[in-house]
Amino acid sequence: MNLLQLQLGDCWELMHKLPACSIGAVVCDPPYGLEFMGKNWDAPWRDLDPLAEEDEPPSTLTDKQAFQEWAVRWMTECHRILQPGGMIKVFGGTRTFHRMGIALVQAGFKIERLEAWVYGSGFPKSLDVSKALDKSVGAVREILATRKGRFCAGTGRYNWNNPNDTTDRSTVPVTEPATELAKKYKGYGTCLKPAWEPFLVGRKYF
């Protein structure tokens, strides 16, 4: 008996082909809606919506509301193909997992618990304390050099290191602290690195 069948393709298209109540569990790591490094794949409500019908009007919702609406649509399909009692685990980002949770309930699931993947890597998503201190007193920082980077509104950071990114890039000054207090806090940020990612565990009861 063939107990394992692997299928390669767009999960939205493949789910449509599966019969109702045919799957025991769903484990997924979808886009978090953070516009990670400015990439469109992490902003699925934008330029290309694979779930939209041809005659469907464009969304008038805000970005994060549209992200939640997008999640409801594929989660509803997950609910359809899951067997009663089946579980779903959905990874998310610390800033948007609440949207995932609301979408999970709207799709018909009951949230059983919140779990976490804890890791040691990551990079800060924070305010430069040194720059903020200089700015608060109107101090002008010395410009040492400039470099180009693409600003990502979702993370509040510049993408410096992707050689394949050929999009327009902003020229950003590399500055030196101007005040003594700013020099003291050079290199400090306001947030810790994102050393954990939440994932929601839901169950289909009917």
Protein backbone atom coordinates (compact mmCIF):
# COMPACT_ATOMS: atom_id res chain seq x y z
CA MET A 1 0.00 0.00 0.00
CA ASN A 2 1.28 3.45 -0.91
CA LEU A 3 1.11 5.44 2.34
CA LEU A 4 3.16 8.44 1.15
CA GLN A 5 2.53 10.57 -1.92
CA LEU A 6 4.68 13.61 -2.68
CA GLN A 7 3.29 16.35 -4.90
CA LEU A 8 5.20 19.33 -6.22
CA GLY A 9 3.38 22.49 -7.17
CA ASP A 10 1.49 25.56 -6.03
CA CYS A 11 -0.16 24.55 -2.75
CA TRP A 12 -3.28 26.59 -3.55
CA GLU A 13 -3.78 24.76 -6.83
CA LEU A 14 -2.98 21.36 -5.34
CA MET A 15 -5.35 21.81 -2.40
CA HIS A 16 -8.23 22.43 -4.80
CA LYS A 17 -7.63 18.99 -6.27
CA LEU A 18 -7.75 17.19 -2.92
CA PRO A 19 -11.06 15.75 -1.70
CA ALA A 20 -12.67 17.07 1.47
CA CYS A 21 -11.62 15.47 4.77
CA SER A 22 -8.69 13.66 3.14
CA ILE A 23 -5.71 15.03 5.11
CA GLY A 24 -4.76 14.34 8.72
CA ALA A 25 -2.52 17.34 9.39
CA VAL A 26 -1.21 20.55 7.85
CA VAL A 27 2.17 22.05 8.77
CA CYS A 28 3.02 25.22 6.90
CA ASP A 29 5.38 28.19 6.90
CA PRO A 30 3.53 30.81 4.82
CA PRO A 31 4.61 34.40 4.13
CA TYR A 32 4.50 36.44 7.34
CA GLY A 33 3.41 39.67 5.71
CA LEU A 34 6.55 41.53 6.83
CA GLU A 35 7.77 42.43 3.33
CA PHE A 36 10.99 40.63 4.26
CA MET A 37 14.00 42.38 2.66
CA GLY A 38 11.53 44.19 0.40
CA LYS A 39 10.53 40.99 -1.39
CA ASN A 40 7.10 40.68 -3.02
CA TRP A 41 6.69 37.05 -1.97
CA ASP A 42 6.27 38.25 1.62
CA ALA A 43 3.59 40.76 0.59
CA PRO A 44 1.14 38.37 -1.12
CA TRP A 45 -1.70 40.89 -1.14
CA ARG A 46 0.20 43.18 -3.51
CA ASP A 47 1.23 43.00 -7.16
CA LEU A 48 0.21 39.39 -7.70
CA ASP A 49 -2.68 37.80 -5.78
CA PRO A 50 -2.82 34.10 -6.78
CA LEU A 51 -6.19 33.77 -5.04
CA ALA A 52 -7.99 36.57 -6.83
CA GLU A 53 -10.61 35.98 -9.50
CA GLU A 54 -10.22 37.88 -12.77
CA ASP A 55 -13.30 40.02 -12.14
CA GLU A 56 -12.56 40.63 -8.45
CA PRO A 57 -12.07 44.32 -7.59
CA PRO A 58 -8.76 45.31 -5.95
CA SER A 59 -8.70 45.27 -2.17
CA THR A 60 -9.37 48.55 -0.41
CA LEU A 61 -8.15 47.20 2.92
CA THR A 62 -4.93 48.27 4.59
CA ASP A 63 -1.93 46.04 3.99
CA LYS A 64 -2.14 44.04 7.20
CA GLN A 65 -5.91 43.65 6.95
CA ALA A 66 -5.45 42.44 3.39
CA PHE A 67 -2.79 40.01 4.63
CA GLN A 68 -5.30 38.65 7.15
CA GLU A 69 -7.95 38.32 4.44
CA TRP A 70 -5.46 36.46 2.23
CA ALA A 71 -4.69 34.06 5.11
CA VAL A 72 -8.40 33.36 5.72
CA ARG A 73 -8.82 32.23 2.14
CA TRP A 74 -6.11 29.58 2.08
CA MET A 75 -6.81 28.50 5.67
CA THR A 76 -10.45 27.90 4.72
CA GLU A 77 -9.24 25.51 2.04
CA CYS A 78 -7.02 23.78 4.61
CA HIS A 79 -10.08 23.38 6.82
CA ARG A 80 -11.98 21.78 3.95
CA ILE A 81 -9.37 19.11 3.21
CA LEU A 82 -8.59 18.27 6.86
CA GLN A 83 -10.32 15.38 8.55
CA PRO A 84 -12.43 16.17 11.65
CA GLY A 85 -9.97 16.29 14.54
CA GLY A 86 -7.14 17.17 12.15
CA MET A 87 -4.45 19.59 13.28
CA ILE A 88 -2.88 22.59 11.58
CA LYS A 89 0.39 24.26 12.59
CA VAL A 90 1.06 27.67 11.06
CA PHE A 91 4.35 29.48 11.51
CA GLY A 92 4.21 33.26 11.73
CA GLY A 93 6.13 36.41 12.57
CA THR A 94 6.15 38.09 15.97
CA ARG A 95 4.53 41.23 14.52
CA THR A 96 1.81 39.57 12.46
CA PHE A 97 0.96 36.24 14.11
CA HIS A 98 -2.10 37.84 15.72
CA ARG A 99 -3.46 38.33 12.19
CA MET A 100 -2.76 34.66 11.52
CA GLY A 101 -4.64 33.75 14.69
CA ILE A 102 -7.71 35.76 13.74
CA ALA A 103 -7.62 34.24 10.25
CA LEU A 104 -7.38 30.74 11.72
CA VAL A 105 -10.56 31.27 13.75
CA GLN A 106 -12.37 32.89 10.84
CA ALA A 107 -11.50 29.85 8.70
CA GLY A 108 -13.27 27.57 11.20
CA PHE A 109 -10.44 26.30 13.39
CA LYS A 110 -10.19 26.31 17.16
CA ILE A 111 -6.81 27.52 18.41
CA GLU A 112 -5.35 24.92 20.76
CA ARG A 113 -2.18 26.74 21.77
CA LEU A 114 0.71 28.95 20.72
CA GLU A 115 4.11 27.32 20.40
CA ALA A 116 7.52 28.75 19.49
CA TRP A 117 10.62 27.97 17.49
CA VAL A 118 13.59 29.38 19.41
CA TYR A 119 16.92 29.95 17.68
CA GLY A 120 20.15 31.87 18.12
CA SER A 121 20.53 33.58 14.75
CA GLY A 122 18.85 36.69 13.42
CA PHE A 123 19.46 40.40 13.01
CA PRO A 124 18.10 43.43 14.88
CA LYS A 125 15.06 45.30 13.64
CA SER A 126 15.51 48.38 15.77
CA LEU A 127 16.14 52.10 16.06
CA ASP A 128 19.78 53.26 16.07
CA VAL A 129 20.06 54.83 19.54
CA SER A 130 23.10 56.90 18.64
CA LYS A 131 21.36 58.51 15.65
CA ALA A 132 18.21 59.11 17.65
CA LEU A 133 20.14 60.91 20.40
CA ASP A 134 21.85 63.21 17.92
CA LYS A 135 18.56 63.89 16.15
CA SER A 136 16.81 64.76 19.44
CA VAL A 137 19.15 67.71 20.01
CA GLY A 138 19.43 68.73 16.38
CA ALA A 139 23.09 67.71 16.07
CA VAL A 140 24.52 67.32 12.56
CA ARG A 141 26.47 64.10 12.10
CA GLU A 142 29.65 63.99 10.02
CA ILE A 143 29.19 62.01 6.79
CA LEU A 144 32.10 59.60 6.36
CA ALA A 145 30.89 57.82 3.22
CA THR A 146 27.78 56.77 1.32
CA ARG A 147 26.43 53.45 0.18
CA LYS A 148 23.41 52.23 -1.72
CA GLY A 149 20.64 50.07 -0.33
CA ARG A 150 17.00 49.29 -0.95
CA PHE A 151 14.82 50.37 1.95
CA CYS A 152 12.24 47.84 3.16
CA ALA A 153 9.26 49.50 4.83
CA GLY A 154 8.21 46.24 6.46
CA THR A 155 11.42 45.77 8.43
CA GLY A 156 12.57 49.37 8.59
CA ARG A 157 15.98 48.27 7.28
CA TYR A 158 18.10 48.57 4.15
CA ASN A 159 18.99 45.56 2.05
CA TRP A 160 22.73 45.88 1.46
CA ASN A 161 23.87 42.37 0.67
CA ASN A 162 21.79 40.97 -2.16
CA PRO A 163 23.83 41.15 -5.41
CA ASN A 164 20.83 39.92 -7.40
CA ASP A 165 18.67 42.87 -6.33
CA THR A 166 18.69 45.15 -9.39
CA THR A 167 15.89 47.46 -8.22
CA ASP A 168 16.43 51.16 -7.58
CA ARG A 169 18.56 51.66 -4.51
CA SER A 170 18.76 54.68 -2.24
CA THR A 171 22.03 56.43 -1.40
CA VAL A 172 22.43 56.38 2.36
CA PRO A 173 25.08 58.29 4.30
CA VAL A 174 27.41 56.49 6.72
CA THR A 175 27.75 58.92 9.61
CA GLU A 176 29.74 59.44 12.78
CA PRO A 177 28.10 60.40 16.12
CA ALA A 178 28.18 64.13 16.79
CA THR A 179 27.53 64.38 20.53
CA GLU A 180 29.29 62.71 23.43
CA LEU A 181 26.11 60.89 24.44
CA ALA A 182 25.62 59.59 20.91
CA LYS A 183 29.24 58.36 20.85
CA LYS A 184 28.63 56.50 24.10
CA TYR A 185 25.67 54.63 22.59
CA LYS A 186 27.14 53.99 19.12
CA GLY A 187 26.08 50.52 17.98
CA TYR A 188 23.16 50.27 20.42
CA GLY A 189 19.63 49.46 19.23
CA THR A 190 16.21 49.47 20.85
CA CYS A 191 15.26 45.84 20.13
CA LEU A 192 16.71 42.41 20.64
CA LYS A 193 17.24 40.19 17.64
CA PRO A 194 14.19 38.09 16.66
CA ALA A 195 15.33 34.91 18.40
CA TRP A 196 11.97 33.14 18.24
CA GLU A 197 9.11 32.63 15.84
CA PRO A 198 5.58 31.78 17.00
CA PHE A 199 3.48 29.09 15.44
CA LEU A 200 -0.20 28.59 16.03
CA VAL A 201 -1.71 25.16 16.58
CA GLY A 202 -5.33 24.75 15.55
CA ARG A 203 -7.79 21.88 15.29
CA LYS A 204 -10.75 21.15 13.04
CA TYR A 205 -13.70 19.95 15.11
CA PHE A 206 -16.32 19.50 12.40
